[in-house]
């Protein structure tokens, strides 16, 4: 099942690139981090399985407009 492989890869990505790097102080902070990561994952992060293209082409934010959370993830 390819779907299971995609799900497992996404879970590994969000854990490695987001959840394992942050300390959450409640459900709201976790929800915000996941929401920011989802935006980053779909619109700003290159994907090797797509020949290093974006999932949603042409939607990349300008660096100055990126959230602090996403910038922090990219710096590590």
N, C-alpha and C. Protein backbone atom coordinates (compact mmCIF):
# COMPACT_ATOMS: atom_id res chain seq x y z
N UNK A 1 0.83 -1.20 0.00
CA UNK A 1 0.00 0.00 0.00
C UNK A 1 0.87 1.24 0.00
N UNK A 2 0.79 2.00 -1.08
CA UNK A 2 1.56 3.23 -1.16
C UNK A 2 1.06 4.30 -0.20
N UNK A 3 -0.25 4.32 0.04
CA UNK A 3 -0.82 5.34 0.92
C UNK A 3 -0.20 5.26 2.31
N UNK A 4 -0.03 4.06 2.82
CA UNK A 4 0.57 3.89 4.14
C UNK A 4 2.00 4.42 4.15
N UNK A 5 2.75 4.20 3.09
CA UNK A 5 4.13 4.69 3.02
C UNK A 5 4.16 6.22 3.04
N UNK A 6 3.23 6.85 2.32
CA UNK A 6 3.15 8.32 2.32
C UNK A 6 2.81 8.85 3.71
N UNK A 7 1.87 8.20 4.38
CA UNK A 7 1.48 8.62 5.72
C UNK A 7 2.64 8.48 6.70
N UNK A 8 3.35 7.35 6.62
CA UNK A 8 4.48 7.13 7.50
C UNK A 8 5.58 8.15 7.25
N UNK A 9 5.82 8.51 6.00
CA UNK A 9 6.85 9.51 5.67
C UNK A 9 6.45 10.88 6.21
N UNK A 10 5.16 11.23 6.10
CA UNK A 10 4.72 12.52 6.61
C UNK A 10 4.88 12.58 8.13
N UNK A 11 4.48 11.51 8.82
CA UNK A 11 4.61 11.48 10.27
C UNK A 11 6.07 11.64 10.67
N UNK A 12 6.97 10.95 9.98
CA UNK A 12 8.40 11.10 10.28
C UNK A 12 8.86 12.53 10.04
N UNK A 13 8.40 13.14 8.94
CA UNK A 13 8.80 14.51 8.62
C UNK A 13 8.33 15.50 9.67
N UNK A 14 7.06 15.43 10.04
CA UNK A 14 6.54 16.41 11.01
C UNK A 14 7.19 16.22 12.38
N UNK A 15 7.49 14.98 12.75
CA UNK A 15 8.18 14.74 14.02
C UNK A 15 9.60 15.30 13.98
N UNK A 16 10.34 14.97 12.92
CA UNK A 16 11.75 15.40 12.83
C UNK A 16 11.90 16.90 12.64
N UNK A 17 11.04 17.48 11.82
CA UNK A 17 11.21 18.89 11.44
C UNK A 17 10.44 19.86 12.32
N UNK A 18 9.52 19.36 13.14
CA UNK A 18 8.69 20.28 13.93
C UNK A 18 8.54 19.82 15.38
N UNK A 19 7.85 18.73 15.59
CA UNK A 19 7.44 18.35 16.94
C UNK A 19 8.60 18.04 17.88
N UNK A 20 9.64 17.41 17.38
CA UNK A 20 10.78 17.07 18.24
C UNK A 20 11.65 18.28 18.57
N UNK A 21 11.41 19.41 17.93
CA UNK A 21 12.24 20.60 18.13
C UNK A 21 11.58 21.66 19.00
N UNK A 22 10.38 21.38 19.45
CA UNK A 22 9.63 22.40 20.18
C UNK A 22 9.14 21.87 21.51
N UNK A 23 8.88 22.78 22.43
CA UNK A 23 8.25 22.45 23.70
C UNK A 23 6.90 23.16 23.69
N UNK A 24 5.84 22.40 23.89
CA UNK A 24 4.49 22.96 23.82
C UNK A 24 3.96 23.23 25.22
N UNK A 25 3.22 24.32 25.34
CA UNK A 25 2.69 24.71 26.65
C UNK A 25 1.17 24.57 26.68
N UNK A 26 0.64 23.74 25.83
CA UNK A 26 -0.79 23.49 25.80
C UNK A 26 -1.22 23.07 24.41
N UNK A 27 -2.48 22.71 24.31
CA UNK A 27 -3.02 22.23 23.05
C UNK A 27 -3.01 23.32 21.98
N UNK A 28 -3.22 24.56 22.38
CA UNK A 28 -3.24 25.66 21.41
C UNK A 28 -1.88 25.84 20.74
N UNK A 29 -0.80 25.75 21.51
CA UNK A 29 0.52 25.92 20.91
C UNK A 29 0.86 24.75 19.99
N UNK A 30 0.44 23.54 20.36
CA UNK A 30 0.63 22.38 19.49
C UNK A 30 -0.16 22.55 18.20
N UNK A 31 -1.41 22.99 18.31
CA UNK A 31 -2.24 23.20 17.13
C UNK A 31 -1.66 24.25 16.19
N UNK A 32 -1.14 25.31 16.76
CA UNK A 32 -0.54 26.36 15.93
C UNK A 32 0.72 25.85 15.22
N UNK A 33 1.54 25.11 15.93
CA UNK A 33 2.76 24.57 15.33
C UNK A 33 2.43 23.62 14.18
N UNK A 34 1.45 22.75 14.38
CA UNK A 34 1.05 21.82 13.32
C UNK A 34 0.47 22.58 12.13
N UNK A 35 -0.33 23.58 12.40
CA UNK A 35 -0.91 24.38 11.32
C UNK A 35 0.17 25.10 10.51
N UNK A 36 1.13 25.71 11.21
CA UNK A 36 2.24 26.38 10.53
C UNK A 36 3.08 25.39 9.72
N UNK A 37 3.31 24.21 10.30
CA UNK A 37 4.09 23.21 9.59
C UNK A 37 3.35 22.73 8.36
N UNK A 38 2.04 22.53 8.45
CA UNK A 38 1.26 22.08 7.29
C UNK A 38 1.36 23.10 6.16
N UNK A 39 1.27 24.38 6.49
CA UNK A 39 1.42 25.41 5.46
C UNK A 39 2.82 25.32 4.84
N UNK A 40 3.81 25.23 5.68
CA UNK A 40 5.19 25.12 5.22
C UNK A 40 5.36 23.87 4.35
N UNK A 41 4.83 22.74 4.78
CA UNK A 41 4.99 21.46 4.08
C UNK A 41 4.38 21.52 2.68
N UNK A 42 3.23 22.16 2.55
CA UNK A 42 2.54 22.19 1.26
C UNK A 42 2.98 23.32 0.34
N UNK A 43 3.47 24.42 0.88
CA UNK A 43 3.72 25.58 0.03
C UNK A 43 5.17 26.06 -0.01
N UNK A 44 6.01 25.62 0.91
CA UNK A 44 7.37 26.15 0.98
C UNK A 44 8.46 25.09 0.95
N UNK A 45 8.12 23.85 1.21
CA UNK A 45 9.12 22.78 1.35
C UNK A 45 9.21 21.98 0.06
N UNK A 46 10.43 21.85 -0.47
CA UNK A 46 10.65 21.02 -1.65
C UNK A 46 10.47 19.56 -1.28
N UNK A 47 9.97 18.75 -2.24
CA UNK A 47 9.71 17.34 -1.99
C UNK A 47 10.51 16.48 -2.96
N UNK A 48 11.37 15.64 -2.42
CA UNK A 48 12.23 14.80 -3.23
C UNK A 48 11.43 13.91 -4.18
N UNK A 49 10.30 13.39 -3.73
CA UNK A 49 9.46 12.53 -4.56
C UNK A 49 8.81 13.26 -5.72
N UNK A 50 8.84 14.59 -5.68
CA UNK A 50 8.29 15.42 -6.76
C UNK A 50 9.41 16.12 -7.51
N UNK A 51 10.57 15.50 -7.57
CA UNK A 51 11.75 16.09 -8.22
C UNK A 51 12.11 17.45 -7.62
N UNK A 52 12.03 17.54 -6.29
CA UNK A 52 12.35 18.75 -5.52
C UNK A 52 11.48 19.94 -5.88
N UNK A 53 10.24 19.66 -6.24
CA UNK A 53 9.27 20.73 -6.51
C UNK A 53 8.36 20.88 -5.29
N UNK A 54 7.60 21.97 -5.28
CA UNK A 54 6.63 22.22 -4.23
C UNK A 54 5.34 21.46 -4.54
N UNK A 55 4.59 21.09 -3.50
CA UNK A 55 3.29 20.47 -3.72
C UNK A 55 2.34 21.47 -4.37
N UNK A 56 2.35 22.71 -3.88
CA UNK A 56 1.51 23.77 -4.42
C UNK A 56 2.44 24.80 -5.06
N UNK A 57 2.76 24.65 -6.36
CA UNK A 57 3.70 25.57 -7.01
C UNK A 57 3.21 27.01 -7.02
N UNK A 58 4.16 27.93 -6.94
CA UNK A 58 3.84 29.36 -7.04
C UNK A 58 3.25 29.95 -5.79
N UNK A 59 3.28 29.23 -4.67
CA UNK A 59 2.67 29.76 -3.45
C UNK A 59 3.68 30.05 -2.36
N UNK A 60 4.94 30.04 -2.69
CA UNK A 60 6.00 30.26 -1.70
C UNK A 60 5.91 31.68 -1.14
N UNK A 61 5.97 31.80 0.19
CA UNK A 61 5.96 33.12 0.84
C UNK A 61 7.30 33.80 0.65
N UNK A 62 7.28 35.10 0.73
CA UNK A 62 8.52 35.86 0.73
C UNK A 62 9.19 35.63 2.09
N UNK A 63 10.54 35.57 2.16
CA UNK A 63 11.21 35.31 3.43
C UNK A 63 10.80 36.24 4.56
N UNK A 64 10.56 37.49 4.29
CA UNK A 64 10.19 38.43 5.35
C UNK A 64 8.82 38.13 5.92
N UNK A 65 7.97 37.45 5.16
CA UNK A 65 6.61 37.16 5.61
C UNK A 65 6.51 35.81 6.33
N UNK A 66 7.58 35.05 6.39
CA UNK A 66 7.52 33.75 7.03
C UNK A 66 7.34 33.92 8.54
N UNK A 67 6.63 32.98 9.12
CA UNK A 67 6.43 33.05 10.56
C UNK A 67 7.73 32.71 11.28
N UNK A 68 7.83 33.13 12.52
CA UNK A 68 9.02 32.83 13.32
C UNK A 68 9.18 31.33 13.49
N UNK A 69 8.07 30.60 13.64
CA UNK A 69 8.15 29.17 13.85
C UNK A 69 8.76 28.48 12.64
N UNK A 70 8.33 28.84 11.46
CA UNK A 70 8.84 28.20 10.26
C UNK A 70 10.28 28.59 10.03
N UNK A 71 10.63 29.86 10.24
CA UNK A 71 12.03 30.27 10.08
C UNK A 71 12.91 29.49 11.03
N UNK A 72 12.45 29.28 12.25
CA UNK A 72 13.22 28.53 13.23
C UNK A 72 13.43 27.10 12.80
N UNK A 73 12.43 26.50 12.18
CA UNK A 73 12.56 25.14 11.69
C UNK A 73 13.56 25.05 10.57
N UNK A 74 13.58 26.03 9.68
CA UNK A 74 14.47 25.99 8.54
C UNK A 74 15.92 26.26 8.92
N UNK A 75 16.15 26.96 10.02
CA UNK A 75 17.51 27.30 10.43
C UNK A 75 18.23 26.12 11.05
N UNK A 76 17.50 25.10 11.49
CA UNK A 76 18.13 23.96 12.17
C UNK A 76 18.36 22.86 11.24
